[in-house]
Amino acid sequence: MIFPNWQGSLGVPTVGDSITTKYEIYFESKETDRKQPLMYIQPRSLDGILTERGEDIRDLLQYNHTLTENLLEQYLASKTSLAISANLKGNLKNVLENYRSLLEYVSHYMADYCYPKPSVEKIQFPVANKNDTEGSFSRKIDKWYPGLGDEKPKVKEFLISQQHFSGEYWLNDLTVLSNANKHRALSRPVLNEFESTLVYFQGAGVRLGHMGLSYVKIEEEGALKFIGGNGEEAFIGGPCLLTVNNIPEKALDPGIIVKKESSLMHHIEGTSSSLAQTIWVISKNVYRTVSSICGRLS
């Protein structure tokens, strides 16, 4: 199997993530079973039972994760078409709005830890504008969620870590796309070329670039081990850095193949990747945000 498999667990490195390791990591050629992502959901009552809000978060997250997988399967099955069906565009709109709703659900949970509690009509998930710095955005959080930084400082730290000035752009993509789809018109993707590099041995390997990892950094004692279908093994030893445009051949065992791929896929204006990768990156980050904030509030 070529890793990452976008259908796999969101709890491990997946599309758009990077890996830095000082240990040996192995990849097998056999397919892995698809799993529903594990989630840390709050709020709960004193006896550990999910409240109605907790149930709403859990149910919508599970539902939309499945909807996202179906959307991507539908799209990838027909990606060679120059047109995107009305059904696919409608599903895209629903997926984006559901992810936005999940962030709003979590925002109301954060507001429970504020004093004074913000007005219900003004509660929304904090997203930095293009001119915000870490300092200006920190002050906005203090204004929007008074006392949250003192009561739950790790929640505030996490919110800051997910903004554009921290190198994260998925929140901006979600905001722009969901607002456009809801208030103006369905997104009109255009076709574009996206590059990736496969590094593999007998069917086991990694993909870098589009629909793959951003990079793999192997430190001095680390290695990637590929286990082929017949049990043979091949290694990439450290120290080295693997990117879509840089695969150091001296680090590769004999038999490891490096292959460049170019994919013609749809791109939504204002985002930095293909439709498929943009949606998957939003999906994984909403899942991780819900889980991270719920964990930090408990």
C-alpha atoms as a PDB file:
ATOM      1  CA  MET A   1       0.000   0.000   0.000  1.00  0.00           C
ATOM      2  CA  ILE A   2       1.158   3.521  -0.731  1.00  0.00           C
ATOM      3  CA  PHE A   3       0.993   5.702   2.396  1.00  0.00           C
ATOM      4  CA  PRO A   4      -0.819   7.900   3.273  1.00  0.00           C
ATOM      5  CA  ASN A   5      -4.128   6.290   2.453  1.00  0.00           C
ATOM      6  CA  TRP A   6      -6.620   9.141   2.624  1.00  0.00           C
ATOM      7  CA  GLN A   7      -9.328   6.660   3.673  1.00  0.00           C
ATOM      8  CA  GLY A   8      -7.362   5.648   6.767  1.00  0.00           C
ATOM      9  CA  SER A   9      -7.478   6.924  10.316  1.00  0.00           C
ATOM     10  CA  LEU A  10      -7.268  10.673  10.833  1.00  0.00           C
ATOM     11  CA  GLY A  11      -5.378  10.088  14.065  1.00  0.00           C
ATOM     12  CA  VAL A  12      -2.140   9.192  12.242  1.00  0.00           C
ATOM     13  CA  PRO A  13      -0.177  11.255   9.710  1.00  0.00           C
ATOM     14  CA  THR A  14      -2.302  11.582   6.604  1.00  0.00           C
ATOM     15  CA  VAL A  15      -2.647  13.758   3.496  1.00  0.00           C
ATOM     16  CA  GLY A  16      -0.855  17.092   3.970  1.00  0.00           C
ATOM     17  CA  ASP A  17       0.981  16.036   7.125  1.00  0.00           C
ATOM     18  CA  SER A  18       4.734  15.599   7.622  1.00  0.00           C
ATOM     19  CA  ILE A  19       6.807  13.031   9.508  1.00  0.00           C
ATOM     20  CA  THR A  20      10.016  13.534  11.478  1.00  0.00           C
ATOM     21  CA  THR A  21      11.444  10.364  12.993  1.00  0.00           C
ATOM     22  CA  LYS A  22      14.531   9.133  14.811  1.00  0.00           C
ATOM     23  CA  TYR A  23      13.091   5.615  14.854  1.00  0.00           C
ATOM     24  CA  GLU A  24      12.385   2.933  12.278  1.00  0.00           C
ATOM     25  CA  ILE A  25       8.954   3.225  10.654  1.00  0.00           C
ATOM     26  CA  TYR A  26       7.677   0.394   8.490  1.00  0.00           C
ATOM     27  CA  PHE A  27       5.220   0.318   5.581  1.00  0.00           C
ATOM     28  CA  GLU A  28       3.589  -2.840   4.227  1.00  0.00           C
ATOM     29  CA  SER A  29       2.199  -3.621   0.790  1.00  0.00           C
ATOM     30  CA  LYS A  30      -1.046  -5.114   2.130  1.00  0.00           C
ATOM     31  CA  GLU A  31      -4.165  -2.951   2.333  1.00  0.00           C
ATOM     32  CA  THR A  32      -5.369  -1.803   5.755  1.00  0.00           C
ATOM     33  CA  ASP A  33      -8.990  -1.856   6.871  1.00  0.00           C
ATOM     34  CA  ARG A  34     -10.880   1.405   6.830  1.00  0.00           C
ATOM     35  CA  LYS A  35     -11.633   2.643  10.342  1.00  0.00           C
ATOM     36  CA  GLN A  36     -13.972   5.248  11.755  1.00  0.00           C
ATOM     37  CA  PRO A  37     -11.788   7.863  13.474  1.00  0.00           C
ATOM     38  CA  LEU A  38     -11.441   7.778  17.253  1.00  0.00           C
ATOM     39  CA  MET A  39     -12.819  10.937  18.835  1.00  0.00           C
ATOM     40  CA  TYR A  40     -12.504  12.599  22.223  1.00  0.00           C
ATOM     41  CA  ILE A  41     -15.912  14.203  22.699  1.00  0.00           C
ATOM     42  CA  GLN A  42     -17.179  16.535  25.422  1.00  0.00           C
ATOM     43  CA  PRO A  43     -19.169  17.887  27.228  1.00  0.00           C
ATOM     44  CA  ARG A  44     -20.235  15.091  29.575  1.00  0.00           C
ATOM     45  CA  SER A  45     -22.214  15.001  32.775  1.00  0.00           C
ATOM     46  CA  LEU A  46     -20.561  14.306  36.142  1.00  0.00           C
ATOM     47  CA  ASP A  47     -21.215  10.584  35.686  1.00  0.00           C
ATOM     48  CA  GLY A  48     -19.447  10.552  32.319  1.00  0.00           C
ATOM     49  CA  ILE A  49     -22.506  10.524  30.028  1.00  0.00           C
ATOM     50  CA  LEU A  50     -22.435  12.728  26.947  1.00  0.00           C
ATOM     51  CA  THR A  51     -24.703  15.751  27.187  1.00  0.00           C
ATOM     52  CA  GLU A  52     -27.034  16.615  24.306  1.00  0.00           C
ATOM     53  CA  ARG A  53     -24.411  19.022  22.952  1.00  0.00           C
ATOM     54  CA  GLY A  54     -21.775  16.291  23.162  1.00  0.00           C
ATOM     55  CA  GLU A  55     -24.054  13.899  21.299  1.00  0.00           C
ATOM     56  CA  ASP A  56     -24.672  16.528  18.599  1.00  0.00           C
ATOM     57  CA  ILE A  57     -20.921  17.005  18.100  1.00  0.00           C
ATOM     58  CA  ARG A  58     -20.275  13.246  17.982  1.00  0.00           C
ATOM     59  CA  ASP A  59     -23.139  12.462  15.607  1.00  0.00           C
ATOM     60  CA  LEU A  60     -22.417  15.266  13.138  1.00  0.00           C
ATOM     61  CA  LEU A  61     -18.673  14.540  13.130  1.00  0.00           C
ATOM     62  CA  GLN A  62     -19.234  10.853  12.396  1.00  0.00           C
ATOM     63  CA  TYR A  63     -21.871  11.630   9.767  1.00  0.00           C
ATOM     64  CA  ASN A  64     -19.787  14.227   7.973  1.00  0.00           C
ATOM     65  CA  HIS A  65     -16.636  12.096   8.025  1.00  0.00           C
ATOM     66  CA  THR A  66     -18.554   9.393   6.131  1.00  0.00           C
ATOM     67  CA  LEU A  67     -20.084  12.022   3.831  1.00  0.00           C
ATOM     68  CA  THR A  68     -16.607  13.373   3.076  1.00  0.00           C
ATOM     69  CA  GLU A  69     -15.273   9.905   2.202  1.00  0.00           C
ATOM     70  CA  ASN A  70     -18.244   9.334  -0.114  1.00  0.00           C
ATOM     71  CA  LEU A  71     -17.743  12.753  -1.709  1.00  0.00           C
ATOM     72  CA  LEU A  72     -14.056  12.071  -2.381  1.00  0.00           C
ATOM     73  CA  GLU A  73     -14.761   8.582  -3.724  1.00  0.00           C
ATOM     74  CA  GLN A  74     -17.419  10.029  -6.016  1.00  0.00           C
ATOM     75  CA  TYR A  75     -15.076  12.751  -7.196  1.00  0.00           C
ATOM     76  CA  LEU A  76     -11.987  10.585  -7.679  1.00  0.00           C
ATOM     77  CA  ALA A  77     -14.020   8.039  -9.617  1.00  0.00           C
ATOM     78  CA  SER A  78     -14.956  10.744 -12.136  1.00  0.00           C
ATOM     79  CA  LYS A  79     -11.972  13.089 -11.907  1.00  0.00           C
ATOM     80  CA  THR A  80     -11.121  12.714 -15.583  1.00  0.00           C
ATOM     81  CA  SER A  81     -14.361  14.502 -16.480  1.00  0.00           C
ATOM     82  CA  LEU A  82     -13.990  18.161 -17.386  1.00  0.00           C
ATOM     83  CA  ALA A  83     -17.273  18.913 -15.618  1.00  0.00           C
ATOM     84  CA  ILE A  84     -18.360  18.345 -12.034  1.00  0.00           C
ATOM     85  CA  SER A  85     -21.898  17.084 -11.575  1.00  0.00           C
ATOM     86  CA  ALA A  86     -24.587  19.141  -9.867  1.00  0.00           C
ATOM     87  CA  ASN A  87     -24.911  16.349  -7.295  1.00  0.00           C
ATOM     88  CA  LEU A  88     -21.211  16.575  -6.449  1.00  0.00           C
ATOM     89  CA  LYS A  89     -21.339  20.355  -6.090  1.00  0.00           C
ATOM     90  CA  GLY A  90     -24.366  20.067  -3.830  1.00  0.00           C
ATOM     91  CA  ASN A  91     -22.601  17.472  -1.659  1.00  0.00           C
ATOM     92  CA  LEU A  92     -19.562  19.748  -1.445  1.00  0.00           C
ATOM     93  CA  LYS A  93     -21.737  22.585  -0.154  1.00  0.00           C
ATOM     94  CA  ASN A  94     -23.271  20.339   2.522  1.00  0.00           C
ATOM     95  CA  VAL A  95     -19.905  18.964   3.662  1.00  0.00           C
ATOM     96  CA  LEU A  96     -18.419  22.447   4.070  1.00  0.00           C
ATOM     97  CA  GLU A  97     -21.423  23.776   5.986  1.00  0.00           C
ATOM     98  CA  ASN A  98     -21.398  20.774   8.318  1.00  0.00           C
ATOM     99  CA  TYR A  99     -17.721  21.297   9.170  1.00  0.00           C
ATOM    100  CA  ARG A 100     -18.406  24.956   9.857  1.00  0.00           C
ATOM    101  CA  SER A 101     -21.298  23.948  12.134  1.00  0.00           C
ATOM    102  CA  LEU A 102     -19.038  21.596  14.084  1.00  0.00           C
ATOM    103  CA  LEU A 103     -16.671  24.443  14.875  1.00  0.00           C
ATOM    104  CA  GLU A 104     -19.620  26.566  16.023  1.00  0.00           C
ATOM    105  CA  TYR A 105     -20.797  23.736  18.325  1.00  0.00           C
ATOM    106  CA  VAL A 106     -17.353  23.654  19.924  1.00  0.00           C
ATOM    107  CA  SER A 107     -17.349  27.453  20.213  1.00  0.00           C
ATOM    108  CA  HIS A 108     -20.454  27.344  22.406  1.00  0.00           C
ATOM    109  CA  TYR A 109     -18.730  24.755  24.592  1.00  0.00           C
ATOM    110  CA  MET A 110     -15.719  27.087  24.959  1.00  0.00           C
ATOM    111  CA  ALA A 111     -18.067  29.913  25.934  1.00  0.00           C
ATOM    112  CA  ASP A 112     -19.160  27.918  28.985  1.00  0.00           C
ATOM    113  CA  TYR A 113     -15.719  28.602  30.483  1.00  0.00           C
ATOM    114  CA  CYS A 114     -15.881  32.372  29.999  1.00  0.00           C
ATOM    115  CA  TYR A 115     -16.773  35.095  32.462  1.00  0.00           C
ATOM    116  CA  PRO A 116     -18.805  36.976  31.606  1.00  0.00           C
ATOM    117  CA  LYS A 117     -20.270  34.467  29.148  1.00  0.00           C
ATOM    118  CA  PRO A 118     -20.455  35.867  25.595  1.00  0.00           C
ATOM    119  CA  SER A 119     -23.832  36.600  24.060  1.00  0.00           C
ATOM    120  CA  VAL A 120     -25.144  33.524  22.222  1.00  0.00           C
ATOM    121  CA  GLU A 121     -25.661  35.562  19.042  1.00  0.00           C
ATOM    122  CA  LYS A 122     -21.996  36.618  18.992  1.00  0.00           C
ATOM    123  CA  ILE A 123     -20.382  33.226  19.574  1.00  0.00           C
ATOM    124  CA  GLN A 124     -18.423  31.945  16.568  1.00  0.00           C
ATOM    125  CA  PHE A 125     -15.214  30.014  16.042  1.00  0.00           C
ATOM    126  CA  PRO A 126     -12.188  32.356  16.118  1.00  0.00           C
ATOM    127  CA  VAL A 127     -10.597  32.832  12.677  1.00  0.00           C
ATOM    128  CA  ALA A 128      -7.839  35.382  12.096  1.00  0.00           C
ATOM    129  CA  ASN A 129      -8.162  37.832   9.229  1.00  0.00           C
ATOM    130  CA  LYS A 130      -5.313  38.326   6.779  1.00  0.00           C
ATOM    131  CA  ASN A 131      -3.888  41.306   8.688  1.00  0.00           C
ATOM    132  CA  ASP A 132      -3.869  39.644  12.116  1.00  0.00           C
ATOM    133  CA  THR A 133      -0.653  38.829  13.930  1.00  0.00           C
ATOM    134  CA  GLU A 134      -0.357  36.440  16.846  1.00  0.00           C
ATOM    135  CA  GLY A 135      -0.514  39.394  19.219  1.00  0.00           C
ATOM    136  CA  SER A 136      -3.568  41.064  17.688  1.00  0.00           C
ATOM    137  CA  PHE A 137      -5.412  37.749  17.420  1.00  0.00           C
ATOM    138  CA  SER A 138      -4.610  36.857  21.028  1.00  0.00           C
ATOM    139  CA  ARG A 139      -6.247  40.107  22.114  1.00  0.00           C
ATOM    140  CA  LYS A 140      -9.303  39.323  19.976  1.00  0.00           C
ATOM    141  CA  ILE A 141      -9.705  35.931  21.668  1.00  0.00           C
ATOM    142  CA  ASP A 142      -9.578  37.682  25.061  1.00  0.00           C
ATOM    143  CA  LYS A 143     -12.321  40.021  23.871  1.00  0.00           C
ATOM    144  CA  TRP A 144     -14.515  37.360  22.250  1.00  0.00           C
ATOM    145  CA  TYR A 145     -14.003  34.775  25.006  1.00  0.00           C
ATOM    146  CA  PRO A 146     -13.307  36.712  28.232  1.00  0.00           C
ATOM    147  CA  GLY A 147     -11.448  34.659  30.810  1.00  0.00           C
ATOM    148  CA  LEU A 148     -10.886  31.638  28.538  1.00  0.00           C
ATOM    149  CA  GLY A 149      -7.147  32.290  28.348  1.00  0.00           C
ATOM    150  CA  ASP A 150      -6.885  32.278  32.131  1.00  0.00           C
ATOM    151  CA  GLU A 151      -9.253  29.374  32.753  1.00  0.00           C
ATOM    152  CA  LYS A 152      -8.084  27.177  29.860  1.00  0.00           C
ATOM    153  CA  PRO A 153      -4.769  28.549  28.512  1.00  0.00           C
ATOM    154  CA  LYS A 154      -4.060  25.432  26.433  1.00  0.00           C
ATOM    155  CA  VAL A 155      -7.296  26.012  24.488  1.00  0.00           C
ATOM    156  CA  LYS A 156      -6.205  29.537  23.633  1.00  0.00           C
ATOM    157  CA  GLU A 157      -2.754  28.269  22.626  1.00  0.00           C
ATOM    158  CA  PHE A 158      -4.369  25.712  20.332  1.00  0.00           C
ATOM    159  CA  LEU A 159      -6.633  28.308  18.697  1.00  0.00           C
ATOM    160  CA  ILE A 160      -3.593  30.485  17.962  1.00  0.00           C
ATOM    161  CA  SER A 161      -1.688  27.506  16.531  1.00  0.00           C
ATOM    162  CA  GLN A 162      -4.377  26.910  13.874  1.00  0.00           C
ATOM    163  CA  GLN A 163      -4.198  30.353  12.215  1.00  0.00           C
ATOM    164  CA  HIS A 164      -2.445  31.524   9.067  1.00  0.00           C
ATOM    165  CA  PHE A 165       0.360  33.304  10.973  1.00  0.00           C
ATOM    166  CA  SER A 166       1.189  29.900  12.497  1.00  0.00           C
ATOM    167  CA  GLY A 167       1.459  28.333   9.022  1.00  0.00           C
ATOM    168  CA  GLU A 168      -2.053  26.812   8.964  1.00  0.00           C
ATOM    169  CA  TYR A 169      -4.455  27.807   6.165  1.00  0.00           C
ATOM    170  CA  TRP A 170      -7.302  25.292   6.433  1.00  0.00           C
ATOM    171  CA  LEU A 171      -9.479  27.611   8.562  1.00  0.00           C
ATOM    172  CA  ASN A 172      -9.235  30.339   5.966  1.00  0.00           C
ATOM    173  CA  ASP A 173     -10.054  27.837   3.202  1.00  0.00           C
ATOM    174  CA  LEU A 174     -13.092  26.565   5.112  1.00  0.00           C
ATOM    175  CA  THR A 175     -14.332  30.076   5.869  1.00  0.00           C
ATOM    176  CA  VAL A 176     -13.927  31.343   2.306  1.00  0.00           C
ATOM    177  CA  LEU A 177     -15.424  28.238   0.685  1.00  0.00           C
ATOM    178  CA  SER A 178     -18.350  27.784   3.061  1.00  0.00           C
ATOM    179  CA  ASN A 179     -19.296  31.472   2.889  1.00  0.00           C
ATOM    180  CA  ALA A 180     -19.114  31.492  -0.907  1.00  0.00           C
ATOM    181  CA  ASN A 181     -21.132  28.291  -1.265  1.00  0.00           C
ATOM    182  CA  LYS A 182     -23.749  29.413   1.243  1.00  0.00           C
ATOM    183  CA  HIS A 183     -24.263  33.042   0.251  1.00  0.00           C
ATOM    184  CA  ARG A 184     -23.159  33.464  -3.368  1.00  0.00           C
ATOM    185  CA  ALA A 185     -22.850  30.400  -5.583  1.00  0.00           C
ATOM    186  CA  LEU A 186     -21.547  26.862  -5.659  1.00  0.00           C
ATOM    187  CA  SER A 187     -17.779  26.687  -6.109  1.00  0.00           C
ATOM    188  CA  ARG A 188     -16.645  26.563  -9.739  1.00  0.00           C
ATOM    189  CA  PRO A 189     -13.484  24.441  -9.806  1.00  0.00           C
ATOM    190  CA  VAL A 190     -11.057  24.629 -12.737  1.00  0.00           C
ATOM    191  CA  LEU A 191      -8.614  21.950 -13.895  1.00  0.00           C
ATOM    192  CA  ASN A 192      -4.976  22.184 -12.864  1.00  0.00           C
ATOM    193  CA  GLU A 193      -1.844  20.030 -12.728  1.00  0.00           C
ATOM    194  CA  PHE A 194      -0.650  18.689  -9.362  1.00  0.00           C
ATOM    195  CA  GLU A 195       2.652  16.909  -8.782  1.00  0.00           C
ATOM    196  CA  SER A 196       3.555  14.044  -6.472  1.00  0.00           C
ATOM    197  CA  THR A 197       6.447  11.608  -6.023  1.00  0.00           C
ATOM    198  CA  LEU A 198       6.054   7.933  -5.117  1.00  0.00           C
ATOM    199  CA  VAL A 199       8.876   6.120  -3.307  1.00  0.00           C
ATOM    200  CA  TYR A 200       8.123   2.395  -3.039  1.00  0.00           C
ATOM    201  CA  PHE A 201       9.343  -1.182  -2.939  1.00  0.00           C
ATOM    202  CA  GLN A 202       7.173  -4.092  -4.125  1.00  0.00           C
ATOM    203  CA  GLY A 203       3.938  -2.186  -3.537  1.00  0.00           C
ATOM    204  CA  ALA A 204       4.867  -0.673  -0.157  1.00  0.00           C
ATOM    205  CA  GLY A 205       5.823   2.992  -0.029  1.00  0.00           C
ATOM    206  CA  VAL A 206       5.028   6.636   0.549  1.00  0.00           C
ATOM    207  CA  ARG A 207       3.626   9.442  -1.547  1.00  0.00           C
ATOM    208  CA  LEU A 208       5.025  12.974  -1.246  1.00  0.00           C
ATOM    209  CA  GLY A 209       3.400  16.140  -2.531  1.00  0.00           C
ATOM    210  CA  HIS A 210      -0.149  16.151  -3.861  1.00  0.00           C
ATOM    211  CA  MET A 211      -2.457  13.773  -1.917  1.00  0.00           C
ATOM    212  CA  GLY A 212       0.583  12.691   0.072  1.00  0.00           C
ATOM    213  CA  LEU A 213       2.894  13.791   2.856  1.00  0.00           C
ATOM    214  CA  SER A 214       4.480  17.254   2.832  1.00  0.00           C
ATOM    215  CA  TYR A 215       7.872  15.769   3.733  1.00  0.00           C
ATOM    216  CA  VAL A 216       9.600  12.961   5.631  1.00  0.00           C
ATOM    217  CA  LYS A 217      12.633  13.856   7.748  1.00  0.00           C
ATOM    218  CA  ILE A 218      14.671  10.840   8.829  1.00  0.00           C
ATOM    219  CA  GLU A 219      17.127  11.600  11.601  1.00  0.00           C
ATOM    220  CA  GLU A 220      20.475   9.907  12.318  1.00  0.00           C
ATOM    221  CA  GLU A 221      19.179   6.667  13.866  1.00  0.00           C
ATOM    222  CA  GLY A 222      15.900   6.595  11.936  1.00  0.00           C
ATOM    223  CA  ALA A 223      14.826   4.677   8.843  1.00  0.00           C
ATOM    224  CA  LEU A 224      11.857   3.871   6.634  1.00  0.00           C
ATOM    225  CA  LYS A 225      11.364   0.135   6.129  1.00  0.00           C
ATOM    226  CA  PHE A 226       9.301  -1.145   3.204  1.00  0.00           C
ATOM    227  CA  ILE A 227       7.954  -4.701   3.495  1.00  0.00           C
ATOM    228  CA  GLY A 228       7.020  -6.186   0.121  1.00  0.00           C
ATOM    229  CA  GLY A 229       4.294  -8.693  -0.597  1.00  0.00           C
ATOM    230  CA  ASN A 230       6.725 -11.629  -0.436  1.00  0.00           C
ATOM    231  CA  GLY A 231       8.267 -10.464   2.856  1.00  0.00           C
ATOM    232  CA  GLU A 232      11.377  -8.869   1.368  1.00  0.00           C
ATOM    233  CA  GLU A 233      12.517  -5.628   2.976  1.00  0.00           C
ATOM    234  CA  ALA A 234      14.185  -2.437   1.772  1.00  0.00           C
ATOM    235  CA  PHE A 235      15.281   0.623   3.720  1.00  0.00           C
ATOM    236  CA  ILE A 236      15.812   4.359   3.458  1.00  0.00           C
ATOM    237  CA  GLY A 237      18.306   5.358   6.129  1.00  0.00           C
ATOM    238  CA  GLY A 238      18.884   8.683   7.821  1.00  0.00           C
ATOM    239  CA  PRO A 239      19.839  11.360   8.068  1.00  0.00           C
ATOM    240  CA  CYS A 240      17.962  12.625   5.019  1.00  0.00           C
ATOM    241  CA  LEU A 241      14.973  14.702   3.956  1.00  0.00           C
ATOM    242  CA  LEU A 242      12.395  13.417   1.457  1.00  0.00           C
ATOM    243  CA  THR A 243      10.214  15.931  -0.394  1.00  0.00           C
ATOM    244  CA  VAL A 244       8.272  15.909  -3.640  1.00  0.00           C
ATOM    245  CA  ASN A 245      11.315  17.396  -5.409  1.00  0.00           C
ATOM    246  CA  ASN A 246      14.132  15.850  -3.389  1.00  0.00           C
ATOM    247  CA  ILE A 247      14.740  12.111  -2.982  1.00  0.00           C
ATOM    248  CA  PRO A 248      18.430  11.439  -2.100  1.00  0.00           C
ATOM    249  CA  GLU A 249      19.276   8.309  -4.087  1.00  0.00           C
ATOM    250  CA  LYS A 250      22.299   7.494  -1.905  1.00  0.00           C
ATOM    251  CA  ALA A 251      19.931   6.824   1.013  1.00  0.00           C
ATOM    252  CA  LEU A 252      17.857   4.266  -0.937  1.00  0.00           C
ATOM    253  CA  ASP A 253      18.387   0.495  -0.829  1.00  0.00           C
ATOM    254  CA  PRO A 254      18.545  -1.297  -4.211  1.00  0.00           C
ATOM    255  CA  GLY A 255      15.092  -2.089  -5.539  1.00  0.00           C
ATOM    256  CA  ILE A 256      13.397   1.051  -4.225  1.00  0.00           C
ATOM    257  CA  ILE A 257      11.651   2.883  -7.072  1.00  0.00           C
ATOM    258  CA  VAL A 258      11.131   6.647  -7.338  1.00  0.00           C
ATOM    259  CA  LYS A 259       8.299   7.685  -9.639  1.00  0.00           C
ATOM    260  CA  LYS A 260       6.985  11.137 -10.507  1.00  0.00           C
ATOM    261  CA  GLU A 261       3.252  11.554 -11.088  1.00  0.00           C
ATOM    262  CA  SER A 262       1.286  14.449 -12.534  1.00  0.00           C
ATOM    263  CA  SER A 263      -2.474  14.553 -11.962  1.00  0.00           C
ATOM    264  CA  LEU A 264      -5.000  16.727 -13.773  1.00  0.00           C
ATOM    265  CA  MET A 265      -7.503  17.578 -11.050  1.00  0.00           C
ATOM    266  CA  HIS A 266      -9.938  20.311 -10.142  1.00  0.00           C
ATOM    267  CA  HIS A 267      -8.849  23.322  -8.130  1.00  0.00           C
ATOM    268  CA  ILE A 268     -11.026  25.850  -6.284  1.00  0.00           C
ATOM    269  CA  GLU A 269      -9.919  29.460  -6.644  1.00  0.00           C
ATOM    270  CA  GLY A 270      -8.422  30.846  -3.448  1.00  0.00           C
ATOM    271  CA  THR A 271      -7.061  27.525  -2.209  1.00  0.00           C
ATOM    272  CA  SER A 272      -3.543  26.172  -2.609  1.00  0.00           C
ATOM    273  CA  SER A 273      -4.276  22.587  -3.608  1.00  0.00           C
ATOM    274  CA  SER A 274      -6.722  20.384  -5.495  1.00  0.00           C
ATOM    275  CA  LEU A 275     -10.370  19.992  -4.577  1.00  0.00           C
ATOM    276  CA  ALA A 276      -9.704  16.521  -3.161  1.00  0.00           C
ATOM    277  CA  GLN A 277      -6.751  17.557  -1.000  1.00  0.00           C
ATOM    278  CA  THR A 278      -8.411  20.766   0.194  1.00  0.00           C
ATOM    279  CA  ILE A 279     -11.506  18.908   1.405  1.00  0.00           C
ATOM    280  CA  TRP A 280      -9.472  16.171   3.076  1.00  0.00           C
ATOM    281  CA  VAL A 281      -7.190  18.654   4.844  1.00  0.00           C
ATOM    282  CA  ILE A 282     -10.237  20.553   6.137  1.00  0.00           C
ATOM    283  CA  SER A 283     -11.810  17.267   7.246  1.00  0.00           C
ATOM    284  CA  LYS A 284      -8.798  16.033   9.214  1.00  0.00           C
ATOM    285  CA  ASN A 285      -8.260  19.415  10.852  1.00  0.00           C
ATOM    286  CA  VAL A 286     -11.878  19.842  11.958  1.00  0.00           C
ATOM    287  CA  TYR A 287     -11.719  16.342  13.459  1.00  0.00           C
ATOM    288  CA  ARG A 288      -8.441  17.152  15.249  1.00  0.00           C
ATOM    289  CA  THR A 289      -9.707  20.553  16.394  1.00  0.00           C
ATOM    290  CA  VAL A 290     -12.879  19.117  17.909  1.00  0.00           C
ATOM    291  CA  SER A 291     -10.914  16.370  19.637  1.00  0.00           C
ATOM    292  CA  SER A 292      -8.137  18.710  20.833  1.00  0.00           C
ATOM    293  CA  ILE A 293     -10.406  21.436  22.211  1.00  0.00           C
ATOM    294  CA  CYS A 294     -12.742  18.955  23.898  1.00  0.00           C
ATOM    295  CA  GLY A 295      -9.736  17.308  25.516  1.00  0.00           C
ATOM    296  CA  ARG A 296      -8.309  20.617  26.722  1.00  0.00           C
ATOM    297  CA  LEU A 297     -11.657  21.755  28.150  1.00  0.00           C
ATOM    298  CA  SER A 298     -12.265  18.566  30.149  1.00  0.00           C
END
